[in-house]
N, C-alpha and C. Protein backbone atom coordinates (compact mmCIF):
# COMPACT_ATOMS: atom_id res chain seq x y z
N MET A 1 -165.30 -0.92 -2.91
CA MET A 1 -166.16 0.03 -2.21
C MET A 1 -167.41 0.28 -3.06
N SER A 2 -168.52 0.49 -2.39
CA SER A 2 -169.80 0.66 -3.06
C SER A 2 -170.03 2.13 -3.43
N GLN A 3 -171.13 2.37 -4.14
CA GLN A 3 -171.52 3.74 -4.50
C GLN A 3 -171.77 4.57 -3.26
N SER A 4 -172.21 3.92 -2.19
CA SER A 4 -172.54 4.65 -0.96
C SER A 4 -171.31 4.91 -0.10
N GLY A 5 -170.15 4.39 -0.51
CA GLY A 5 -168.94 4.57 0.28
C GLY A 5 -168.75 3.50 1.34
N VAL A 6 -169.63 2.53 1.37
CA VAL A 6 -169.57 1.44 2.35
C VAL A 6 -168.54 0.41 1.89
N SER A 7 -167.70 -0.04 2.82
CA SER A 7 -166.70 -1.06 2.49
C SER A 7 -167.22 -2.44 2.88
N ILE A 8 -166.53 -3.47 2.42
CA ILE A 8 -166.91 -4.85 2.71
C ILE A 8 -165.86 -5.47 3.60
N ASN A 9 -166.29 -5.93 4.76
CA ASN A 9 -165.38 -6.60 5.69
C ASN A 9 -164.87 -7.89 5.03
N PRO A 10 -163.56 -8.18 5.09
CA PRO A 10 -163.02 -9.39 4.46
C PRO A 10 -163.68 -10.68 4.95
N ASP A 11 -164.22 -10.69 6.17
CA ASP A 11 -164.89 -11.88 6.69
C ASP A 11 -166.12 -12.25 5.85
N CYS A 12 -166.73 -11.27 5.19
CA CYS A 12 -167.88 -11.53 4.32
C CYS A 12 -167.49 -12.49 3.20
N ILE A 13 -166.34 -12.26 2.60
CA ILE A 13 -165.88 -13.09 1.49
C ILE A 13 -165.40 -14.45 2.01
N THR A 14 -164.71 -14.45 3.14
CA THR A 14 -164.22 -15.69 3.74
C THR A 14 -165.38 -16.64 4.04
N LYS A 15 -166.43 -16.11 4.69
CA LYS A 15 -167.61 -16.94 5.03
C LYS A 15 -168.29 -17.45 3.76
N PHE A 16 -168.40 -16.59 2.74
CA PHE A 16 -169.04 -17.00 1.49
C PHE A 16 -168.25 -18.15 0.86
N ASN A 17 -166.93 -18.05 0.86
CA ASN A 17 -166.12 -19.12 0.28
C ASN A 17 -166.27 -20.42 1.06
N GLU A 18 -166.44 -20.32 2.38
CA GLU A 18 -166.70 -21.52 3.18
C GLU A 18 -168.03 -22.16 2.76
N LEU A 19 -169.05 -21.35 2.56
CA LEU A 19 -170.34 -21.86 2.12
C LEU A 19 -170.21 -22.53 0.76
N LYS A 20 -169.53 -21.85 -0.14
CA LYS A 20 -169.42 -22.33 -1.52
C LYS A 20 -168.55 -23.59 -1.64
N LEU A 21 -167.44 -23.63 -0.93
CA LEU A 21 -166.49 -24.71 -1.12
C LEU A 21 -166.66 -25.87 -0.14
N ASN A 22 -166.94 -25.57 1.10
CA ASN A 22 -167.03 -26.63 2.11
C ASN A 22 -168.42 -27.24 2.21
N LYS A 23 -169.42 -26.51 1.76
CA LYS A 23 -170.82 -26.98 1.75
C LYS A 23 -171.36 -27.33 3.14
N LYS A 24 -170.74 -26.79 4.21
CA LYS A 24 -171.26 -27.01 5.56
C LYS A 24 -172.21 -25.88 5.95
N ILE A 25 -171.80 -24.66 5.68
CA ILE A 25 -172.64 -23.50 5.98
C ILE A 25 -173.78 -23.47 4.98
N LYS A 26 -175.01 -23.30 5.46
CA LYS A 26 -176.18 -23.28 4.58
C LYS A 26 -176.66 -21.86 4.28
N PHE A 27 -176.42 -20.93 5.20
CA PHE A 27 -176.79 -19.55 4.90
C PHE A 27 -175.91 -18.57 5.66
N ILE A 28 -175.83 -17.37 5.08
CA ILE A 28 -175.11 -16.25 5.68
C ILE A 28 -176.02 -15.04 5.60
N ILE A 29 -176.13 -14.30 6.69
CA ILE A 29 -176.87 -13.05 6.69
C ILE A 29 -175.86 -11.92 6.91
N TYR A 30 -175.89 -10.96 6.00
CA TYR A 30 -175.00 -9.80 6.07
C TYR A 30 -175.80 -8.58 6.48
N LYS A 31 -175.14 -7.65 7.17
CA LYS A 31 -175.79 -6.40 7.53
C LYS A 31 -174.78 -5.27 7.43
N LEU A 32 -175.29 -4.06 7.46
CA LEU A 32 -174.42 -2.90 7.55
C LEU A 32 -174.11 -2.67 9.03
N SER A 33 -172.89 -2.29 9.31
CA SER A 33 -172.53 -1.96 10.69
C SER A 33 -173.43 -0.83 11.18
N ASP A 34 -173.53 -0.66 12.49
CA ASP A 34 -174.44 0.35 13.05
C ASP A 34 -174.13 1.78 12.60
N ASP A 35 -172.88 2.02 12.19
CA ASP A 35 -172.53 3.36 11.69
C ASP A 35 -172.60 3.44 10.16
N TYR A 36 -173.10 2.38 9.53
CA TYR A 36 -173.31 2.32 8.08
C TYR A 36 -172.03 2.55 7.26
N THR A 37 -170.90 2.07 7.76
CA THR A 37 -169.65 2.26 7.02
C THR A 37 -169.12 0.96 6.42
N GLU A 38 -169.65 -0.18 6.86
CA GLU A 38 -169.08 -1.46 6.45
C GLU A 38 -170.15 -2.55 6.43
N ILE A 39 -170.06 -3.43 5.42
CA ILE A 39 -170.91 -4.61 5.39
C ILE A 39 -170.19 -5.71 6.17
N VAL A 40 -170.89 -6.32 7.13
CA VAL A 40 -170.31 -7.34 7.99
C VAL A 40 -171.21 -8.57 8.01
N VAL A 41 -170.65 -9.69 8.46
CA VAL A 41 -171.43 -10.91 8.64
C VAL A 41 -172.20 -10.77 9.95
N GLU A 42 -173.51 -10.86 9.87
CA GLU A 42 -174.32 -10.85 11.09
C GLU A 42 -174.41 -12.25 11.67
N GLU A 43 -174.59 -13.23 10.78
CA GLU A 43 -174.73 -14.61 11.24
C GLU A 43 -174.50 -15.56 10.08
N SER A 44 -173.94 -16.72 10.40
CA SER A 44 -173.89 -17.82 9.44
C SER A 44 -174.31 -19.07 10.18
N SER A 45 -174.86 -20.03 9.44
CA SER A 45 -175.39 -21.21 10.11
C SER A 45 -175.28 -22.45 9.22
N GLU A 46 -175.12 -23.59 9.87
CA GLU A 46 -175.13 -24.87 9.18
C GLU A 46 -176.54 -25.44 9.14
N ASN A 47 -177.49 -24.76 9.78
CA ASN A 47 -178.89 -25.20 9.80
C ASN A 47 -179.54 -24.79 8.48
N GLY A 48 -179.96 -25.76 7.68
CA GLY A 48 -180.55 -25.47 6.38
C GLY A 48 -182.06 -25.31 6.41
N ASP A 49 -182.67 -25.22 7.58
CA ASP A 49 -184.12 -25.07 7.70
C ASP A 49 -184.54 -23.69 7.17
N TRP A 50 -185.31 -23.68 6.08
CA TRP A 50 -185.72 -22.43 5.44
C TRP A 50 -186.47 -21.52 6.40
N GLU A 51 -187.37 -22.08 7.21
CA GLU A 51 -188.19 -21.26 8.11
C GLU A 51 -187.34 -20.55 9.17
N VAL A 52 -186.30 -21.22 9.66
CA VAL A 52 -185.40 -20.58 10.63
C VAL A 52 -184.71 -19.39 9.97
N PHE A 53 -184.21 -19.60 8.77
CA PHE A 53 -183.55 -18.54 8.00
C PHE A 53 -184.52 -17.38 7.73
N ARG A 54 -185.72 -17.72 7.28
CA ARG A 54 -186.74 -16.72 6.95
C ARG A 54 -187.09 -15.86 8.16
N GLU A 55 -187.26 -16.48 9.30
CA GLU A 55 -187.61 -15.75 10.52
C GLU A 55 -186.50 -14.77 10.93
N LYS A 56 -185.26 -15.14 10.68
CA LYS A 56 -184.15 -14.24 11.00
C LYS A 56 -184.19 -12.99 10.12
N LEU A 57 -184.55 -13.16 8.85
CA LEU A 57 -184.69 -11.99 7.98
C LEU A 57 -185.85 -11.11 8.42
N VAL A 58 -187.00 -11.74 8.68
CA VAL A 58 -188.19 -10.99 9.07
C VAL A 58 -187.95 -10.21 10.37
N ALA A 59 -187.19 -10.77 11.29
CA ALA A 59 -186.95 -10.14 12.59
C ALA A 59 -185.81 -9.12 12.58
N ALA A 60 -185.11 -8.99 11.46
CA ALA A 60 -183.95 -8.10 11.39
C ALA A 60 -184.33 -6.65 11.70
N GLN A 61 -183.44 -5.96 12.42
CA GLN A 61 -183.67 -4.57 12.78
C GLN A 61 -182.46 -3.71 12.43
N SER A 62 -182.72 -2.44 12.17
CA SER A 62 -181.67 -1.47 11.89
C SER A 62 -181.90 -0.22 12.72
N ILE A 63 -180.81 0.50 12.94
CA ILE A 63 -180.88 1.76 13.68
C ILE A 63 -180.75 2.91 12.69
N ASN A 64 -181.65 3.88 12.78
CA ASN A 64 -181.53 5.08 11.97
C ASN A 64 -180.45 5.95 12.62
N VAL A 65 -179.40 6.26 11.89
CA VAL A 65 -178.26 6.99 12.44
C VAL A 65 -178.66 8.37 12.96
N LYS A 66 -179.55 9.03 12.26
CA LYS A 66 -179.93 10.40 12.65
C LYS A 66 -180.88 10.42 13.84
N THR A 67 -181.93 9.59 13.79
CA THR A 67 -182.95 9.64 14.84
C THR A 67 -182.70 8.65 15.97
N LYS A 68 -181.79 7.71 15.75
CA LYS A 68 -181.47 6.65 16.72
C LYS A 68 -182.65 5.71 16.98
N LYS A 69 -183.66 5.76 16.11
CA LYS A 69 -184.80 4.87 16.25
C LYS A 69 -184.46 3.50 15.67
N VAL A 70 -184.95 2.46 16.33
CA VAL A 70 -184.76 1.09 15.85
C VAL A 70 -186.04 0.66 15.15
N GLY A 71 -185.90 0.08 13.96
CA GLY A 71 -187.05 -0.39 13.21
C GLY A 71 -186.67 -1.60 12.39
N LYS A 72 -187.60 -2.05 11.58
CA LYS A 72 -187.32 -3.19 10.70
C LYS A 72 -186.12 -2.84 9.83
N GLY A 73 -185.30 -3.85 9.57
CA GLY A 73 -184.09 -3.56 8.84
C GLY A 73 -183.86 -4.42 7.62
N PRO A 74 -183.29 -3.83 6.59
CA PRO A 74 -182.90 -4.60 5.41
C PRO A 74 -181.71 -5.50 5.74
N ARG A 75 -181.49 -6.49 4.93
CA ARG A 75 -180.34 -7.38 5.05
C ARG A 75 -180.00 -7.91 3.67
N TYR A 76 -178.78 -8.38 3.54
CA TYR A 76 -178.37 -9.19 2.40
C TYR A 76 -178.23 -10.60 2.95
N ALA A 77 -178.51 -11.58 2.11
CA ALA A 77 -178.35 -12.96 2.56
C ALA A 77 -177.92 -13.82 1.40
N VAL A 78 -177.20 -14.87 1.74
CA VAL A 78 -176.83 -15.90 0.77
C VAL A 78 -177.32 -17.22 1.35
N TYR A 79 -178.05 -17.97 0.54
CA TYR A 79 -178.61 -19.25 0.98
C TYR A 79 -178.25 -20.31 -0.05
N ASP A 80 -177.73 -21.43 0.42
CA ASP A 80 -177.41 -22.56 -0.46
C ASP A 80 -178.68 -23.38 -0.62
N PHE A 81 -179.42 -23.09 -1.68
CA PHE A 81 -180.77 -23.62 -1.89
C PHE A 81 -180.70 -24.95 -2.63
N HIS A 82 -181.23 -26.01 -2.02
CA HIS A 82 -181.28 -27.34 -2.63
C HIS A 82 -182.72 -27.68 -2.99
N TYR A 83 -182.90 -28.29 -4.15
CA TYR A 83 -184.25 -28.70 -4.55
C TYR A 83 -184.15 -29.88 -5.52
N ASP A 84 -185.25 -30.64 -5.59
CA ASP A 84 -185.35 -31.77 -6.51
C ASP A 84 -186.12 -31.33 -7.74
N LEU A 85 -185.68 -31.81 -8.89
CA LEU A 85 -186.37 -31.50 -10.14
C LEU A 85 -187.67 -32.30 -10.22
N ALA A 86 -188.74 -31.66 -10.69
CA ALA A 86 -190.03 -32.32 -10.80
C ALA A 86 -189.98 -33.48 -11.80
N SER A 87 -189.08 -33.40 -12.76
CA SER A 87 -188.97 -34.45 -13.77
C SER A 87 -188.33 -35.72 -13.23
N GLY A 88 -187.83 -35.66 -12.00
CA GLY A 88 -187.18 -36.83 -11.42
C GLY A 88 -185.74 -37.00 -11.85
N GLU A 89 -185.18 -35.99 -12.49
CA GLU A 89 -183.82 -36.07 -13.02
C GLU A 89 -182.76 -35.69 -11.99
N GLY A 90 -183.10 -35.76 -10.72
CA GLY A 90 -182.10 -35.48 -9.69
C GLY A 90 -182.37 -34.20 -8.95
N SER A 91 -181.35 -33.77 -8.22
CA SER A 91 -181.49 -32.56 -7.41
C SER A 91 -180.48 -31.52 -7.87
N ARG A 92 -180.74 -30.30 -7.48
CA ARG A 92 -179.87 -29.18 -7.83
C ARG A 92 -179.57 -28.37 -6.58
N SER A 93 -178.50 -27.61 -6.66
CA SER A 93 -178.12 -26.71 -5.59
C SER A 93 -177.74 -25.38 -6.24
N LYS A 94 -178.33 -24.30 -5.75
CA LYS A 94 -178.00 -22.97 -6.28
C LYS A 94 -177.72 -22.03 -5.14
N ILE A 95 -176.59 -21.37 -5.21
CA ILE A 95 -176.26 -20.35 -4.23
C ILE A 95 -177.04 -19.10 -4.63
N THR A 96 -177.91 -18.68 -3.71
CA THR A 96 -178.88 -17.63 -4.00
C THR A 96 -178.60 -16.39 -3.15
N PHE A 97 -178.53 -15.24 -3.81
CA PHE A 97 -178.34 -13.96 -3.12
C PHE A 97 -179.70 -13.31 -2.98
N ILE A 98 -180.03 -12.90 -1.76
CA ILE A 98 -181.31 -12.28 -1.48
C ILE A 98 -181.07 -10.88 -0.90
N ALA A 99 -181.69 -9.90 -1.52
CA ALA A 99 -181.65 -8.54 -0.98
C ALA A 99 -182.99 -8.33 -0.28
N TRP A 100 -182.98 -8.40 1.05
CA TRP A 100 -184.20 -8.26 1.85
C TRP A 100 -184.34 -6.81 2.27
N SER A 101 -185.40 -6.17 1.81
CA SER A 101 -185.64 -4.76 2.14
C SER A 101 -187.14 -4.58 2.37
N PRO A 102 -187.59 -4.86 3.59
CA PRO A 102 -189.04 -4.80 3.85
C PRO A 102 -189.61 -3.41 3.57
N ASP A 103 -190.82 -3.41 3.02
CA ASP A 103 -191.48 -2.15 2.66
C ASP A 103 -191.58 -1.20 3.84
N ASP A 104 -191.74 -1.74 5.06
CA ASP A 104 -191.93 -0.89 6.22
C ASP A 104 -190.63 -0.59 6.98
N ALA A 105 -189.49 -0.83 6.34
CA ALA A 105 -188.20 -0.44 6.94
C ALA A 105 -188.00 1.06 6.71
N GLY A 106 -187.09 1.65 7.47
CA GLY A 106 -186.81 3.07 7.34
C GLY A 106 -186.22 3.44 5.99
N ILE A 107 -186.46 4.65 5.56
CA ILE A 107 -185.97 5.13 4.26
C ILE A 107 -184.44 5.13 4.22
N GLN A 108 -183.79 5.66 5.25
CA GLN A 108 -182.33 5.76 5.25
C GLN A 108 -181.67 4.38 5.10
N PRO A 109 -182.02 3.39 5.93
CA PRO A 109 -181.40 2.08 5.75
C PRO A 109 -181.67 1.49 4.37
N LYS A 110 -182.88 1.63 3.86
CA LYS A 110 -183.21 1.06 2.54
C LYS A 110 -182.36 1.68 1.45
N MET A 111 -182.16 2.99 1.51
CA MET A 111 -181.36 3.67 0.49
C MET A 111 -179.89 3.22 0.54
N ILE A 112 -179.34 3.12 1.74
CA ILE A 112 -177.93 2.72 1.86
C ILE A 112 -177.75 1.27 1.44
N TYR A 113 -178.67 0.40 1.83
CA TYR A 113 -178.59 -1.00 1.41
C TYR A 113 -178.69 -1.12 -0.10
N ALA A 114 -179.61 -0.38 -0.71
CA ALA A 114 -179.79 -0.45 -2.17
C ALA A 114 -178.53 -0.01 -2.90
N SER A 115 -177.86 1.04 -2.41
CA SER A 115 -176.69 1.55 -3.11
C SER A 115 -175.41 0.77 -2.79
N SER A 116 -175.48 -0.15 -1.84
CA SER A 116 -174.30 -0.95 -1.47
C SER A 116 -174.37 -2.38 -1.98
N LYS A 117 -175.53 -2.80 -2.46
CA LYS A 117 -175.77 -4.20 -2.84
C LYS A 117 -174.81 -4.70 -3.93
N ASP A 118 -174.62 -3.93 -4.98
CA ASP A 118 -173.81 -4.40 -6.10
C ASP A 118 -172.36 -4.65 -5.72
N ALA A 119 -171.83 -3.85 -4.82
CA ALA A 119 -170.44 -4.05 -4.38
C ALA A 119 -170.30 -5.40 -3.68
N LEU A 120 -171.25 -5.76 -2.84
CA LEU A 120 -171.19 -7.06 -2.16
C LEU A 120 -171.36 -8.19 -3.17
N LYS A 121 -172.32 -8.06 -4.07
CA LYS A 121 -172.52 -9.12 -5.08
C LYS A 121 -171.27 -9.34 -5.93
N ARG A 122 -170.61 -8.26 -6.30
CA ARG A 122 -169.38 -8.39 -7.11
C ARG A 122 -168.28 -9.10 -6.33
N ALA A 123 -168.25 -8.91 -5.02
CA ALA A 123 -167.20 -9.53 -4.20
C ALA A 123 -167.44 -11.02 -3.96
N LEU A 124 -168.68 -11.46 -4.14
CA LEU A 124 -169.03 -12.85 -3.88
C LEU A 124 -169.13 -13.61 -5.20
N ASN A 125 -168.05 -14.23 -5.60
CA ASN A 125 -168.01 -14.94 -6.88
C ASN A 125 -168.62 -16.33 -6.74
N GLY A 126 -169.64 -16.62 -7.56
CA GLY A 126 -170.26 -17.93 -7.53
C GLY A 126 -171.74 -17.90 -7.21
N ILE A 127 -172.35 -16.73 -7.23
CA ILE A 127 -173.78 -16.63 -6.99
C ILE A 127 -174.51 -17.08 -8.26
N ALA A 128 -175.43 -18.05 -8.10
CA ALA A 128 -176.14 -18.60 -9.25
C ALA A 128 -177.40 -17.80 -9.59
N THR A 129 -178.06 -17.29 -8.57
CA THR A 129 -179.30 -16.55 -8.81
C THR A 129 -179.48 -15.51 -7.70
N GLU A 130 -180.29 -14.51 -7.99
CA GLU A 130 -180.53 -13.46 -7.00
C GLU A 130 -181.92 -12.90 -7.16
N PHE A 131 -182.46 -12.36 -6.08
CA PHE A 131 -183.72 -11.66 -6.17
C PHE A 131 -183.87 -10.68 -5.03
N GLN A 132 -184.78 -9.74 -5.23
CA GLN A 132 -185.13 -8.71 -4.26
C GLN A 132 -186.40 -9.16 -3.56
N ALA A 133 -186.45 -9.06 -2.24
CA ALA A 133 -187.64 -9.40 -1.47
C ALA A 133 -188.04 -8.20 -0.62
N ASN A 134 -189.33 -7.83 -0.71
CA ASN A 134 -189.81 -6.64 0.00
C ASN A 134 -190.89 -6.92 1.04
N ASP A 135 -191.48 -8.10 1.00
CA ASP A 135 -192.44 -8.46 2.05
C ASP A 135 -192.33 -9.95 2.34
N GLU A 136 -193.00 -10.37 3.40
CA GLU A 136 -192.84 -11.75 3.86
C GLU A 136 -193.26 -12.77 2.82
N ASP A 137 -194.24 -12.44 1.98
CA ASP A 137 -194.67 -13.37 0.93
C ASP A 137 -193.55 -13.65 -0.07
N ASP A 138 -192.68 -12.66 -0.29
CA ASP A 138 -191.58 -12.83 -1.24
C ASP A 138 -190.58 -13.87 -0.78
N ILE A 139 -190.55 -14.17 0.53
CA ILE A 139 -189.59 -15.15 1.02
C ILE A 139 -190.27 -16.40 1.60
N GLU A 140 -191.51 -16.66 1.14
CA GLU A 140 -192.15 -17.94 1.44
C GLU A 140 -191.40 -19.01 0.63
N TYR A 141 -191.27 -20.19 1.20
CA TYR A 141 -190.47 -21.24 0.57
C TYR A 141 -190.92 -21.52 -0.87
N GLN A 142 -192.21 -21.70 -1.10
CA GLN A 142 -192.70 -22.05 -2.44
C GLN A 142 -192.42 -20.93 -3.45
N SER A 143 -192.53 -19.70 -3.01
CA SER A 143 -192.26 -18.56 -3.87
C SER A 143 -190.78 -18.53 -4.28
N VAL A 144 -189.91 -18.75 -3.31
CA VAL A 144 -188.48 -18.75 -3.59
C VAL A 144 -188.10 -19.96 -4.45
N LEU A 145 -188.69 -21.11 -4.16
CA LEU A 145 -188.43 -22.31 -4.95
C LEU A 145 -188.76 -22.07 -6.42
N ALA A 146 -189.88 -21.43 -6.69
CA ALA A 146 -190.28 -21.15 -8.07
C ALA A 146 -189.27 -20.22 -8.75
N LYS A 147 -188.76 -19.21 -8.02
CA LYS A 147 -187.78 -18.28 -8.61
C LYS A 147 -186.45 -18.98 -8.86
N VAL A 148 -185.97 -19.71 -7.86
CA VAL A 148 -184.64 -20.33 -7.95
C VAL A 148 -184.61 -21.44 -8.99
N SER A 149 -185.67 -22.26 -9.02
CA SER A 149 -185.69 -23.42 -9.93
C SER A 149 -186.23 -23.06 -11.31
N LYS A 150 -186.69 -21.83 -11.46
CA LYS A 150 -187.30 -21.38 -12.72
C LYS A 150 -188.46 -22.30 -13.13
N GLY A 151 -189.21 -22.75 -12.10
CA GLY A 151 -190.39 -23.56 -12.33
C GLY A 151 -190.13 -25.04 -12.60
N LEU A 152 -188.89 -25.49 -12.47
CA LEU A 152 -188.56 -26.89 -12.77
C LEU A 152 -188.64 -27.82 -11.56
N ALA A 153 -188.92 -27.26 -10.39
CA ALA A 153 -188.98 -28.10 -9.18
C ALA A 153 -190.42 -28.51 -8.89
């Protein structure tokens, strides 16, 4: 359980293990349930197209529990990121955890997501790298490639 009291649905771990071990799933997007009590799998996909994944994060929405208003929403995501080394020494694969929290998302969802992130990360064994993204530029392919590869791609 997280600091915020949010629990993690067992399917979150099951899907992550499928991504890690079977290598068929390329990304998983996690969200908080509408009542903010549980982290659940929103979507998983075998499509490794970065732009498709990116658009799903950008389009994510959350409901403010108090006001019932729908607005931009934070998400957690895991992406199996593949890249070639610039030195020509082959390719690499890194399971990357992304905490997506757009600057223009509501305060309540951002606070709950921030206080629940570590519990999910601890439950997902095998994450190679992680980063926080707050605007669309943070999740441009070249920007993420530089972070994940540490400049070696």
